[in-house]
PDB file of N, CA and C in Angstrom:
ATOM      1  N   MET A   1       0.838  -1.188   0.000  1.00  0.00           N
ATOM      2  CA  MET A   1       0.000   0.000   0.000  1.00  0.00           C
ATOM      3  C   MET A   1       0.881   1.248   0.000  1.00  0.00           C
ATOM      4  N   LYS A   2       0.608   2.172  -0.893  1.00  0.00           N
ATOM      5  CA  LYS A   2       1.376   3.403  -1.003  1.00  0.00           C
ATOM      6  C   LYS A   2       1.010   4.372   0.128  1.00  0.00           C
ATOM      7  N   PRO A   3       1.995   5.158   0.593  1.00  0.00           N
ATOM      8  CA  PRO A   3       1.672   6.159   1.598  1.00  0.00           C
ATOM      9  C   PRO A   3       0.824   7.275   0.983  1.00  0.00           C
ATOM     10  N   VAL A   4      -0.146   7.746   1.732  1.00  0.00           N
ATOM     11  CA  VAL A   4      -1.042   8.797   1.258  1.00  0.00           C
ATOM     12  C   VAL A   4      -0.478  10.143   1.697  1.00  0.00           C
ATOM     13  N   ILE A   5      -0.399  11.059   0.755  1.00  0.00           N
ATOM     14  CA  ILE A   5       0.136  12.373   1.046  1.00  0.00           C
ATOM     15  C   ILE A   5      -0.830  13.413   0.474  1.00  0.00           C
ATOM     16  N   ASP A   6      -1.061  14.467   1.224  1.00  0.00           N
ATOM     17  CA  ASP A   6      -1.972  15.526   0.788  1.00  0.00           C
ATOM     18  C   ASP A   6      -1.234  16.453  -0.177  1.00  0.00           C
ATOM     19  N   LYS A   7      -1.569  16.344  -1.455  1.00  0.00           N
ATOM     20  CA  LYS A   7      -0.871  17.107  -2.487  1.00  0.00           C
ATOM     21  C   LYS A   7      -1.073  18.614  -2.312  1.00  0.00           C
ATOM     22  N   GLN A   8      -2.246  19.005  -1.842  1.00  0.00           N
ATOM     23  CA  GLN A   8      -2.522  20.440  -1.669  1.00  0.00           C
ATOM     24  C   GLN A   8      -1.629  21.037  -0.585  1.00  0.00           C
ATOM     25  N   GLN A   9      -1.428  20.301   0.492  1.00  0.00           N
ATOM     26  CA  GLN A   9      -0.535  20.777   1.544  1.00  0.00           C
ATOM     27  C   GLN A   9       0.900  20.855   1.044  1.00  0.00           C
ATOM     28  N   VAL A  10       1.316  19.851   0.287  1.00  0.00           N
ATOM     29  CA  VAL A  10       2.662  19.853  -0.284  1.00  0.00           C
ATOM     30  C   VAL A  10       2.820  21.057  -1.203  1.00  0.00           C
ATOM     31  N   LYS A  11       1.815  21.317  -2.025  1.00  0.00           N
ATOM     32  CA  LYS A  11       1.864  22.453  -2.952  1.00  0.00           C
ATOM     33  C   LYS A  11       1.962  23.772  -2.186  1.00  0.00           C
ATOM     34  N   ASN A  12       1.155  23.926  -1.142  1.00  0.00           N
ATOM     35  CA  ASN A  12       1.173  25.173  -0.361  1.00  0.00           C
ATOM     36  C   ASN A  12       2.523  25.390   0.314  1.00  0.00           C
ATOM     37  N   LEU A  13       3.061  24.351   0.917  1.00  0.00           N
ATOM     38  CA  LEU A  13       4.351  24.475   1.589  1.00  0.00           C
ATOM     39  C   LEU A  13       5.482  24.686   0.585  1.00  0.00           C
ATOM     40  N   TYR A  14       5.404  24.026  -0.552  1.00  0.00           N
ATOM     41  CA  TYR A  14       6.415  24.182  -1.602  1.00  0.00           C
ATOM     42  C   TYR A  14       6.409  25.618  -2.131  1.00  0.00           C
ATOM     43  N   ASN A  15       5.210  26.162  -2.338  1.00  0.00           N
ATOM     44  CA  ASN A  15       5.084  27.551  -2.799  1.00  0.00           C
ATOM     45  C   ASN A  15       5.506  28.551  -1.737  1.00  0.00           C
ATOM     46  N   ALA A  16       5.457  28.136  -0.474  1.00  0.00           N
ATOM     47  CA  ALA A  16       5.879  29.018   0.620  1.00  0.00           C
ATOM     48  C   ALA A  16       7.394  29.010   0.809  1.00  0.00           C
ATOM     49  N   GLY A  17       8.092  28.154   0.052  1.00  0.00           N
ATOM     50  CA  GLY A  17       9.548  28.146   0.096  1.00  0.00           C
ATOM     51  C   GLY A  17      10.157  27.117   1.020  1.00  0.00           C
ATOM     52  N   PHE A  18       9.395  26.132   1.437  1.00  0.00           N
ATOM     53  CA  PHE A  18       9.937  25.080   2.292  1.00  0.00           C
ATOM     54  C   PHE A  18      10.616  24.026   1.425  1.00  0.00           C
ATOM     55  N   THR A  19      11.697  23.448   1.939  1.00  0.00           N
ATOM     56  CA  THR A  19      12.409  22.393   1.210  1.00  0.00           C
ATOM     57  C   THR A  19      11.666  21.070   1.390  1.00  0.00           C
ATOM     58  N   ASP A  20      12.065  20.075   0.595  1.00  0.00           N
ATOM     59  CA  ASP A  20      11.383  18.780   0.679  1.00  0.00           C
ATOM     60  C   ASP A  20      11.547  18.138   2.054  1.00  0.00           C
ATOM     61  N   SER A  21      12.704  18.292   2.684  1.00  0.00           N
ATOM     62  CA  SER A  21      12.891  17.702   4.014  1.00  0.00           C
ATOM     63  C   SER A  21      12.066  18.439   5.069  1.00  0.00           C
ATOM     64  N   GLU A  22      11.917  19.748   4.932  1.00  0.00           N
ATOM     65  CA  GLU A  22      11.078  20.506   5.873  1.00  0.00           C
ATOM     66  C   GLU A  22       9.612  20.134   5.701  1.00  0.00           C
ATOM     67  N   ILE A  23       9.182  19.969   4.469  1.00  0.00           N
ATOM     68  CA  ILE A  23       7.794  19.560   4.202  1.00  0.00           C
ATOM     69  C   ILE A  23       7.543  18.170   4.775  1.00  0.00           C
ATOM     70  N   ALA A  24       8.490  17.255   4.586  1.00  0.00           N
ATOM     71  CA  ALA A  24       8.339  15.895   5.109  1.00  0.00           C
ATOM     72  C   ALA A  24       8.221  15.912   6.630  1.00  0.00           C
ATOM     73  N   ARG A  25       9.023  16.742   7.283  1.00  0.00           N
ATOM     74  CA  ARG A  25       8.957  16.846   8.743  1.00  0.00           C
ATOM     75  C   ARG A  25       7.596  17.375   9.191  1.00  0.00           C
ATOM     76  N   LYS A  26       7.093  18.402   8.485  1.00  0.00           N
ATOM     77  CA  LYS A  26       5.806  18.998   8.849  1.00  0.00           C
ATOM     78  C   LYS A  26       4.640  18.039   8.621  1.00  0.00           C
ATOM     79  N   LEU A  27       4.714  17.259   7.551  1.00  0.00           N
ATOM     80  CA  LEU A  27       3.619  16.340   7.222  1.00  0.00           C
ATOM     81  C   LEU A  27       3.816  14.940   7.792  1.00  0.00           C
ATOM     82  N   ASN A  28       4.947  14.750   8.484  1.00  0.00           N
ATOM     83  CA  ASN A  28       5.252  13.472   9.121  1.00  0.00           C
ATOM     84  C   ASN A  28       5.252  12.313   8.116  1.00  0.00           C
ATOM     85  N   CYS A  29       6.042  12.499   7.058  1.00  0.00           N
ATOM     86  CA  CYS A  29       6.190  11.449   6.067  1.00  0.00           C
ATOM     87  C   CYS A  29       7.639  11.432   5.587  1.00  0.00           C
ATOM     88  N   LYS A  30       7.946  10.537   4.667  1.00  0.00           N
ATOM     89  CA  LYS A  30       9.319  10.385   4.192  1.00  0.00           C
ATOM     90  C   LYS A  30       9.691  11.501   3.209  1.00  0.00           C
ATOM     91  N   LYS A  31      10.964  11.872   3.262  1.00  0.00           N
ATOM     92  CA  LYS A  31      11.484  12.907   2.366  1.00  0.00           C
ATOM     93  C   LYS A  31      11.361  12.481   0.909  1.00  0.00           C
ATOM     94  N   ASP A  32      11.652  11.215   0.629  1.00  0.00           N
ATOM     95  CA  ASP A  32      11.577  10.719  -0.749  1.00  0.00           C
ATOM     96  C   ASP A  32      10.158  10.777  -1.304  1.00  0.00           C
ATOM     97  N   THR A  33       9.169  10.548  -0.448  1.00  0.00           N
ATOM     98  CA  THR A  33       7.775  10.622  -0.867  1.00  0.00           C
ATOM     99  C   THR A  33       7.422  12.040  -1.290  1.00  0.00           C
ATOM    100  N   VAL A  34       7.835  13.006  -0.485  1.00  0.00           N
ATOM    101  CA  VAL A  34       7.571  14.410  -0.795  1.00  0.00           C
ATOM    102  C   VAL A  34       8.312  14.824  -2.063  1.00  0.00           C
ATOM    103  N   LYS A  35       9.557  14.394  -2.171  1.00  0.00           N
ATOM    104  CA  LYS A  35      10.373  14.739  -3.343  1.00  0.00           C
ATOM    105  C   LYS A  35       9.720  14.223  -4.625  1.00  0.00           C
ATOM    106  N   LYS A  36       9.260  12.983  -4.594  1.00  0.00           N
ATOM    107  CA  LYS A  36       8.619  12.386  -5.767  1.00  0.00           C
ATOM    108  C   LYS A  36       7.302  13.094  -6.091  1.00  0.00           C
ATOM    109  N   CYS A  37       6.547  13.471  -5.064  1.00  0.00           N
ATOM    110  CA  CYS A  37       5.288  14.202  -5.266  1.00  0.00           C
ATOM    111  C   CYS A  37       5.561  15.547  -5.941  1.00  0.00           C
ATOM    112  N   ILE A  38       6.602  16.235  -5.505  1.00  0.00           N
ATOM    113  CA  ILE A  38       6.966  17.527  -6.100  1.00  0.00           C
ATOM    114  C   ILE A  38       7.405  17.329  -7.551  1.00  0.00           C
ATOM    115  N   GLN A  39       8.223  16.312  -7.804  1.00  0.00           N
ATOM    116  CA  GLN A  39       8.695  16.044  -9.169  1.00  0.00           C
ATOM    117  C   GLN A  39       7.538  15.756 -10.126  1.00  0.00           C
ATOM    118  N   ARG A  40       6.604  14.968  -9.662  1.00  0.00           N
ATOM    119  CA  ARG A  40       5.507  14.549 -10.539  1.00  0.00           C
ATOM    120  C   ARG A  40       4.454  15.631 -10.758  1.00  0.00           C
ATOM    121  N   ASN A  41       4.191  16.428  -9.718  1.00  0.00           N
ATOM    122  CA  ASN A  41       3.037  17.317  -9.772  1.00  0.00           C
ATOM    123  C   ASN A  41       3.356  18.809  -9.850  1.00  0.00           C
ATOM    124  N   PHE A  42       4.509  19.228  -9.349  1.00  0.00           N
ATOM    125  CA  PHE A  42       4.737  20.663  -9.203  1.00  0.00           C
ATOM    126  C   PHE A  42       6.037  21.150  -9.833  1.00  0.00           C
ATOM    127  N   GLY A  43       6.465  20.502 -10.900  1.00  0.00           N
ATOM    128  CA  GLY A  43       7.671  20.924 -11.601  1.00  0.00           C
ATOM    129  C   GLY A  43       7.542  22.318 -12.189  1.00  0.00           C
ATOM    130  N   CYS A  44       6.327  22.685 -12.557  1.00  0.00           N
ATOM    131  CA  CYS A  44       6.096  23.996 -13.165  1.00  0.00           C
ATOM    132  C   CYS A  44       6.184  25.137 -12.140  1.00  0.00           C
ATOM    133  N   LEU A  45       6.221  24.808 -10.857  1.00  0.00           N
ATOM    134  CA  LEU A  45       6.260  25.832  -9.800  1.00  0.00           C
ATOM    135  C   LEU A  45       7.677  26.084  -9.283  1.00  0.00           C
ATOM    136  N   LYS A  46       8.675  25.566  -9.963  1.00  0.00           N
ATOM    137  CA  LYS A  46      10.056  25.650  -9.472  1.00  0.00           C
ATOM    138  C   LYS A  46      10.529  27.094  -9.305  1.00  0.00           C
ATOM    139  N   ARG A  47      10.225  27.961 -10.242  1.00  0.00           N
ATOM    140  CA  ARG A  47      10.658  29.357 -10.163  1.00  0.00           C
ATOM    141  C   ARG A  47      10.031  30.062  -8.956  1.00  0.00           C
ATOM    142  N   GLN A  48       8.733  29.854  -8.735  1.00  0.00           N
ATOM    143  CA  GLN A  48       8.065  30.459  -7.583  1.00  0.00           C
ATOM    144  C   GLN A  48       8.651  29.914  -6.280  1.00  0.00           C
ATOM    145  N   HIS A  49       8.964  28.614  -6.285  1.00  0.00           N
ATOM    146  CA  HIS A  49       9.558  27.995  -5.102  1.00  0.00           C
ATOM    147  C   HIS A  49      10.919  28.614  -4.794  1.00  0.00           C
ATOM    148  N   GLN A  50      11.760  28.780  -5.811  1.00  0.00           N
ATOM    149  CA  GLN A  50      13.092  29.359  -5.604  1.00  0.00           C
ATOM    150  C   GLN A  50      12.999  30.780  -5.057  1.00  0.00           C
ATOM    151  N   THR A  51      12.058  31.567  -5.561  1.00  0.00           N
ATOM    152  CA  THR A  51      11.858  32.931  -5.078  1.00  0.00           C
ATOM    153  C   THR A  51      11.436  32.925  -3.612  1.00  0.00           C
ATOM    154  N   ALA A  52      10.462  32.090  -3.282  1.00  0.00           N
ATOM    155  CA  ALA A  52       9.969  32.012  -1.904  1.00  0.00           C
ATOM    156  C   ALA A  52      11.046  31.475  -0.963  1.00  0.00           C
ATOM    157  N   LEU A  53      11.831  30.509  -1.435  1.00  0.00           N
ATOM    158  CA  LEU A  53      12.911  29.945  -0.624  1.00  0.00           C
ATOM    159  C   LEU A  53      13.957  31.011  -0.302  1.00  0.00           C
ATOM    160  N   THR A  54      14.319  31.797  -1.290  1.00  0.00           N
ATOM    161  CA  THR A  54      15.287  32.882  -1.077  1.00  0.00           C
ATOM    162  C   THR A  54      14.734  33.902  -0.085  1.00  0.00           C
ATOM    163  N   GLN A  55      13.474  34.254  -0.225  1.00  0.00           N
ATOM    164  CA  GLN A  55      12.847  35.204   0.703  1.00  0.00           C
ATOM    165  C   GLN A  55      12.839  34.663   2.126  1.00  0.00           C
ATOM    166  N   ARG A  56      12.468  33.369   2.284  1.00  0.00           N
ATOM    167  CA  ARG A  56      12.453  32.761   3.617  1.00  0.00           C
ATOM    168  C   ARG A  56      13.832  32.788   4.255  1.00  0.00           C
ATOM    169  N   ARG A  57      14.865  32.439   3.479  1.00  0.00           N
ATOM    170  CA  ARG A  57      16.228  32.424   4.016  1.00  0.00           C
ATOM    171  C   ARG A  57      16.691  33.815   4.411  1.00  0.00           C
ATOM    172  N   GLU A  58      16.343  34.829   3.622  1.00  0.00           N
ATOM    173  CA  GLU A  58      16.716  36.204   3.951  1.00  0.00           C
ATOM    174  C   GLU A  58      16.009  36.676   5.219  1.00  0.00           C
ATOM    175  N   ILE A  59      14.759  36.301   5.378  1.00  0.00           N
ATOM    176  CA  ILE A  59      14.009  36.669   6.586  1.00  0.00           C
ATOM    177  C   ILE A  59      14.628  36.011   7.808  1.00  0.00           C
ATOM    178  N   ILE A  60      14.949  34.726   7.704  1.00  0.00           N
ATOM    179  CA  ILE A  60      15.569  34.008   8.821  1.00  0.00           C
ATOM    180  C   ILE A  60      16.911  34.634   9.176  1.00  0.00           C
ATOM    181  N   LYS A  61      17.685  35.000   8.154  1.00  0.00           N
ATOM    182  CA  LYS A  61      18.984  35.620   8.385  1.00  0.00           C
ATOM    183  C   LYS A  61      18.818  36.966   9.104  1.00  0.00           C
ATOM    184  N   ALA A  62      17.837  37.762   8.688  1.00  0.00           N
ATOM    185  CA  ALA A  62      17.600  39.071   9.314  1.00  0.00           C
ATOM    186  C   ALA A  62      17.134  38.913  10.759  1.00  0.00           C
ATOM    187  N   VAL A  63      16.265  37.954  11.014  1.00  0.00           N
ATOM    188  CA  VAL A  63      15.772  37.723  12.376  1.00  0.00           C
ATOM    189  C   VAL A  63      16.907  37.255  13.277  1.00  0.00           C
ATOM    190  N   ASN A  64      17.732  36.351  12.782  1.00  0.00           N
ATOM    191  CA  ASN A  64      18.873  35.886  13.573  1.00  0.00           C
ATOM    192  C   ASN A  64      19.845  37.018  13.864  1.00  0.00           C
ATOM    193  N   TYR A  65      20.059  37.893  12.893  1.00  0.00           N
ATOM    194  CA  TYR A  65      20.940  39.040  13.100  1.00  0.00           C
ATOM    195  C   TYR A  65      20.390  39.927  14.208  1.00  0.00           C
ATOM    196  N   GLN A  66      19.090  40.209  14.162  1.00  0.00           N
ATOM    197  CA  GLN A  66      18.473  41.063  15.178  1.00  0.00           C
ATOM    198  C   GLN A  66      18.504  40.392  16.554  1.00  0.00           C
ATOM    199  N   ALA A  67      18.307  39.089  16.590  1.00  0.00           N
ATOM    200  CA  ALA A  67      18.300  38.371  17.865  1.00  0.00           C
ATOM    201  C   ALA A  67      19.684  38.383  18.508  1.00  0.00           C
ATOM    202  N   ASN A  68      20.735  38.308  17.705  1.00  0.00           N
ATOM    203  CA  ASN A  68      22.097  38.280  18.236  1.00  0.00           C
ATOM    204  C   ASN A  68      22.724  39.661  18.349  1.00  0.00           C
ATOM    205  N   ARG A  69      22.017  40.664  17.943  1.00  0.00           N
ATOM    206  CA  ARG A  69      22.564  42.018  17.946  1.00  0.00           C
ATOM    207  C   ARG A  69      22.775  42.540  19.357  1.00  0.00           C
ATOM    208  N   TYR A  70      21.888  42.224  20.247  1.00  0.00           N
ATOM    209  CA  TYR A  70      21.936  42.777  21.594  1.00  0.00           C
ATOM    210  C   TYR A  70      22.782  41.938  22.545  1.00  0.00           C
ATOM    211  N   MET A  71      22.803  40.636  22.336  1.00  0.00           N
ATOM    212  CA  MET A  71      23.597  39.759  23.191  1.00  0.00           C
ATOM    213  C   MET A  71      24.114  38.608  22.343  1.00  0.00           C
ATOM    214  N   GLY A  72      25.408  38.510  22.218  1.00  0.00           N
ATOM    215  CA  GLY A  72      26.013  37.440  21.434  1.00  0.00           C
ATOM    216  C   GLY A  72      25.920  36.108  22.148  1.00  0.00           C
ATOM    217  N   ASP A  73      26.296  35.061  21.444  1.00  0.00           N
ATOM    218  CA  ASP A  73      26.223  33.708  22.000  1.00  0.00           C
ATOM    219  C   ASP A  73      27.109  33.535  23.227  1.00  0.00           C
ATOM    220  N   SER A  74      28.335  34.046  23.165  1.00  0.00           N
ATOM    221  CA  SER A  74      29.245  33.858  24.301  1.00  0.00           C
ATOM    222  C   SER A  74      28.744  34.589  25.547  1.00  0.00           C
ATOM    223  N   THR A  75      28.183  35.771  25.366  1.00  0.00           N
ATOM    224  CA  THR A  75      27.631  36.512  26.504  1.00  0.00           C
ATOM    225  C   THR A  75      26.435  35.784  27.090  1.00  0.00           C
ATOM    226  N   PHE A  76      25.582  35.247  26.217  1.00  0.00           N
ATOM    227  CA  PHE A  76      24.415  34.509  26.685  1.00  0.00           C
ATOM    228  C   PHE A  76      24.836  33.292  27.507  1.00  0.00           C
ATOM    229  N   VAL A  77      25.831  32.559  27.007  1.00  0.00           N
ATOM    230  CA  VAL A  77      26.310  31.369  27.714  1.00  0.00           C
ATOM    231  C   VAL A  77      26.900  31.754  29.064  1.00  0.00           C
ATOM    232  N   LYS A  78      27.660  32.831  29.121  1.00  0.00           N
ATOM    233  CA  LYS A  78      28.257  33.279  30.384  1.00  0.00           C
ATOM    234  C   LYS A  78      27.188  33.676  31.399  1.00  0.00           C
ATOM    235  N   LYS A  79      26.112  34.293  30.943  1.00  0.00           N
ATOM    236  CA  LYS A  79      25.042  34.738  31.851  1.00  0.00           C
ATOM    237  C   LYS A  79      24.124  33.596  32.276  1.00  0.00           C
ATOM    238  N   ASN A  80      24.120  32.492  31.518  1.00  0.00           N
ATOM    239  CA  ASN A  80      23.215  31.368  31.797  1.00  0.00           C
ATOM    240  C   ASN A  80      23.981  30.055  31.923  1.00  0.00           C
ATOM    241  N   ARG A  81      25.039  30.040  32.700  1.00  0.00           N
ATOM    242  CA  ARG A  81      25.895  28.856  32.823  1.00  0.00           C
ATOM    243  C   ARG A  81      25.157  27.639  33.375  1.00  0.00           C
ATOM    244  N   SER A  82      24.077  27.824  34.090  1.00  0.00           N
ATOM    245  CA  SER A  82      23.407  26.693  34.731  1.00  0.00           C
ATOM    246  C   SER A  82      22.775  25.716  33.734  1.00  0.00           C
ATOM    247  N   ILE A  83      22.491  26.150  32.509  1.00  0.00           N
ATOM    248  CA  ILE A  83      21.877  25.245  31.532  1.00  0.00           C
ATOM    249  C   ILE A  83      22.894  24.646  30.575  1.00  0.00           C
ATOM    250  N   TYR A  84      24.183  24.882  30.836  1.00  0.00           N
ATOM    251  CA  TYR A  84      25.230  24.369  29.961  1.00  0.00           C
ATOM    252  C   TYR A  84      26.166  23.444  30.729  1.00  0.00           C
ATOM    253  N   LYS A  85      26.850  22.576  29.976  1.00  0.00           N
ATOM    254  CA  LYS A  85      27.891  21.735  30.563  1.00  0.00           C
ATOM    255  C   LYS A  85      29.130  21.841  29.679  1.00  0.00           C
ATOM    256  N   THR A  86      30.287  21.625  30.278  1.00  0.00           N
ATOM    257  CA  THR A  86      31.539  21.728  29.550  1.00  0.00           C
ATOM    258  C   THR A  86      32.042  20.337  29.217  1.00  0.00           C
ATOM    259  N   LYS A  87      32.371  20.117  27.954  1.00  0.00           N
ATOM    260  CA  LYS A  87      32.906  18.836  27.503  1.00  0.00           C
ATOM    261  C   LYS A  87      34.403  18.784  27.788  1.00  0.00           C
ATOM    262  N   PRO A  88      35.009  17.593  27.770  1.00  0.00           N
ATOM    263  CA  PRO A  88      36.447  17.463  28.043  1.00  0.00           C
ATOM    264  C   PRO A  88      37.346  18.277  27.096  1.00  0.00           C
ATOM    265  N   ASN A  89      36.898  18.496  25.860  1.00  0.00           N
ATOM    266  CA  ASN A  89      37.695  19.277  24.919  1.00  0.00           C
ATOM    267  C   ASN A  89      37.531  20.787  25.106  1.00  0.00           C
ATOM    268  N   GLY A  90      36.702  21.204  26.050  1.00  0.00           N
ATOM    269  CA  GLY A  90      36.522  22.615  26.355  1.00  0.00           C
ATOM    270  C   GLY A  90      35.299  23.247  25.724  1.00  0.00           C
ATOM    271  N   ASP A  91      34.616  22.549  24.830  1.00  0.00           N
ATOM    272  CA  ASP A  91      33.402  23.080  24.227  1.00  0.00           C
ATOM    273  C   ASP A  91      32.287  23.127  25.264  1.00  0.00           C
ATOM    274  N   ILE A  92      31.478  24.160  25.192  1.00  0.00           N
ATOM    275  CA  ILE A  92      30.348  24.312  26.107  1.00  0.00           C
ATOM    276  C   ILE A  92      29.090  23.986  25.307  1.00  0.00           C
ATOM    277  N   VAL A  93      28.309  23.011  25.785  1.00  0.00           N
ATOM    278  CA  VAL A  93      27.112  22.563  25.071  1.00  0.00           C
ATOM    279  C   VAL A  93      25.904  22.642  25.994  1.00  0.00           C
ATOM    280  N   LEU A  94      24.741  22.746  25.375  1.00  0.00           N
ATOM    281  CA  LEU A  94      23.481  22.812  26.100  1.00  0.00           C
ATOM    282  C   LEU A  94      23.224  21.487  26.802  1.00  0.00           C
ATOM    283  N   ASN A  95      22.872  21.532  28.073  1.00  0.00           N
ATOM    284  CA  ASN A  95      22.581  20.333  28.853  1.00  0.00           C
ATOM    285  C   ASN A  95      21.093  20.032  28.730  1.00  0.00           C
ATOM    286  N   LYS A  96      20.740  19.012  27.957  1.00  0.00           N
ATOM    287  CA  LYS A  96      19.340  18.662  27.704  1.00  0.00           C
ATOM    288  C   LYS A  96      18.615  18.157  28.951  1.00  0.00           C
ATOM    289  N   GLU A  97      19.362  17.676  29.942  1.00  0.00           N
ATOM    290  CA  GLU A  97      18.730  17.203  31.177  1.00  0.00           C
ATOM    291  C   GLU A  97      18.246  18.376  32.011  1.00  0.00           C
ATOM    292  N   VAL A  98      18.989  19.467  32.008  1.00  0.00           N
ATOM    293  CA  VAL A  98      18.619  20.650  32.782  1.00  0.00           C
ATOM    294  C   VAL A  98      17.609  21.504  32.026  1.00  0.00           C
ATOM    295  N   ALA A  99      17.821  21.648  30.726  1.00  0.00           N
ATOM    296  CA  ALA A  99      16.945  22.474  29.899  1.00  0.00           C
ATOM    297  C   ALA A  99      16.495  21.682  28.673  1.00  0.00           C
ATOM    298  N   PRO A 100      15.492  20.808  28.820  1.00  0.00           N
ATOM    299  CA  PRO A 100      15.086  19.972  27.684  1.00  0.00           C
ATOM    300  C   PRO A 100      14.403  20.768  26.562  1.00  0.00           C
ATOM    301  N   VAL A 101      13.776  21.899  26.905  1.00  0.00           N
ATOM    302  CA  VAL A 101      13.101  22.715  25.901  1.00  0.00           C
ATOM    303  C   VAL A 101      13.616  24.143  26.026  1.00  0.00           C
ATOM    304  N   VAL A 102      14.128  24.672  24.925  1.00  0.00           N
ATOM    305  CA  VAL A 102      14.629  26.047  24.897  1.00  0.00           C
ATOM    306  C   VAL A 102      14.100  26.742  23.649  1.00  0.00           C
ATOM    307  N   THR A 103      14.221  28.055  23.612  1.00  0.00           N
ATOM    308  CA  THR A 103      13.751  28.814  22.458  1.00  0.00           C
ATOM    309  C   THR A 103      14.673  28.602  21.267  1.00  0.00           C
ATOM    310  N   TRP A 104      14.217  28.997  20.106  1.00  0.00           N
ATOM    311  CA  TRP A 104      14.978  28.765  18.871  1.00  0.00           C
ATOM    312  C   TRP A 104      16.285  29.547  18.835  1.00  0.00           C
ATOM    313  N   ASP A 105      16.362  30.663  19.539  1.00  0.00           N
ATOM    314  CA  ASP A 105      17.563  31.491  19.468  1.00  0.00           C
ATOM    315  C   ASP A 105      18.560  31.211  20.592  1.00  0.00           C
ATOM    316  N   THR A 106      18.315  30.190  21.402  1.00  0.00           N
ATOM    317  CA  THR A 106      19.256  29.815  22.444  1.00  0.00           C
ATOM    318  C   THR A 106      20.438  29.084  21.821  1.00  0.00           C
ATOM    319  N   PRO A 107      21.666  29.546  22.094  1.00  0.00           N
ATOM    320  CA  PRO A 107      22.835  28.865  21.518  1.00  0.00           C
ATOM    321  C   PRO A 107      22.928  27.427  22.022  1.00  0.00           C
ATOM    322  N   ARG A 108      23.149  26.492  21.121  1.00  0.00           N
ATOM    323  CA  ARG A 108      23.247  25.075  21.474  1.00  0.00           C
ATOM    324  C   ARG A 108      24.681  24.677  21.820  1.00  0.00           C
ATOM    325  N   ARG A 109      25.662  25.400  21.267  1.00  0.00           N
ATOM    326  CA  ARG A 109      27.065  25.019  21.433  1.00  0.00           C
ATOM    327  C   ARG A 109      27.939  26.260  21.328  1.00  0.00           C
ATOM    328  N   LEU A 110      28.966  26.311  22.156  1.00  0.00           N
ATOM    329  CA  LEU A 110      29.973  27.362  22.076  1.00  0.00           C
ATOM    330  C   LEU A 110      31.317  26.656  22.010  1.00  0.00           C
ATOM    331  N   ALA A 111      31.966  26.733  20.869  1.00  0.00           N
ATOM    332  CA  ALA A 111      33.223  26.017  20.647  1.00  0.00           C
ATOM    333  C   ALA A 111      34.362  26.680  21.400  1.00  0.00           C
ATOM    334  N   ASN A 112      35.272  25.868  21.932  1.00  0.00           N
ATOM    335  CA  ASN A 112      36.458  26.353  22.629  1.00  0.00           C
ATOM    336  C   ASN A 112      37.454  26.834  21.575  1.00  0.00           C
ATOM    337  N   GLU A 113      37.688  28.117  21.544  1.00  0.00           N
ATOM    338  CA  GLU A 113      38.574  28.668  20.514  1.00  0.00           C
ATOM    339  C   GLU A 113      40.041  28.495  20.853  1.00  0.00           C
ATOM    340  N   TYR A 114      40.361  28.101  22.081  1.00  0.00           N
ATOM    341  CA  TYR A 114      41.748  27.934  22.503  1.00  0.00           C
ATOM    342  C   TYR A 114      42.180  26.482  22.619  1.00  0.00           C
ATOM    343  N   LYS A 115      41.397  25.519  22.114  1.00  0.00           N
ATOM    344  CA  LYS A 115      41.713  24.104  22.337  1.00  0.00           C
ATOM    345  C   LYS A 115      42.962  23.637  21.599  1.00  0.00           C
ATOM    346  N   ASP A 116      43.391  24.326  20.557  1.00  0.00           N
ATOM    347  CA  ASP A 116      44.585  23.907  19.804  1.00  0.00           C
ATOM    348  C   ASP A 116      45.879  24.509  20.354  1.00  0.00           C
ATOM    349  N   ARG A 117      45.795  25.385  21.310  1.00  0.00           N
ATOM    350  CA  ARG A 117      46.983  26.055  21.822  1.00  0.00           C
ATOM    351  C   ARG A 117      47.814  25.192  22.752  1.00  0.00           C
ATOM    352  N   PHE A 118      47.212  24.224  23.375  1.00  0.00           N
ATOM    353  CA  PHE A 118      47.947  23.437  24.397  1.00  0.00           C
ATOM    354  C   PHE A 118      48.267  22.068  23.909  1.00  0.00           C
TER     355      PHE A 118
END
């Protein structure tokens, strides 16, 4: 039995600039299924998809810039040390046991920039 996928939802998300893997995640189905659906049904929408995809990426880039403008990742980690743990190599990573759910702009990792010096 073939998996059933809502073509209208795929079309709407594709036109909104979402990639095939993002659409698959949203619709809870396989990436290959979504990819094949797009190939078979929405090849004529490729130009609109590319335009929307570029717009989405620019918006995400602008939002991330604004979010990090006031407090950088290293400052955030220093002010919120309780939700982070330090790995043996010196990298500071988010501790999922202490903070299992965080906002999208919370830094997940801060790399140790001095690890090659010693």
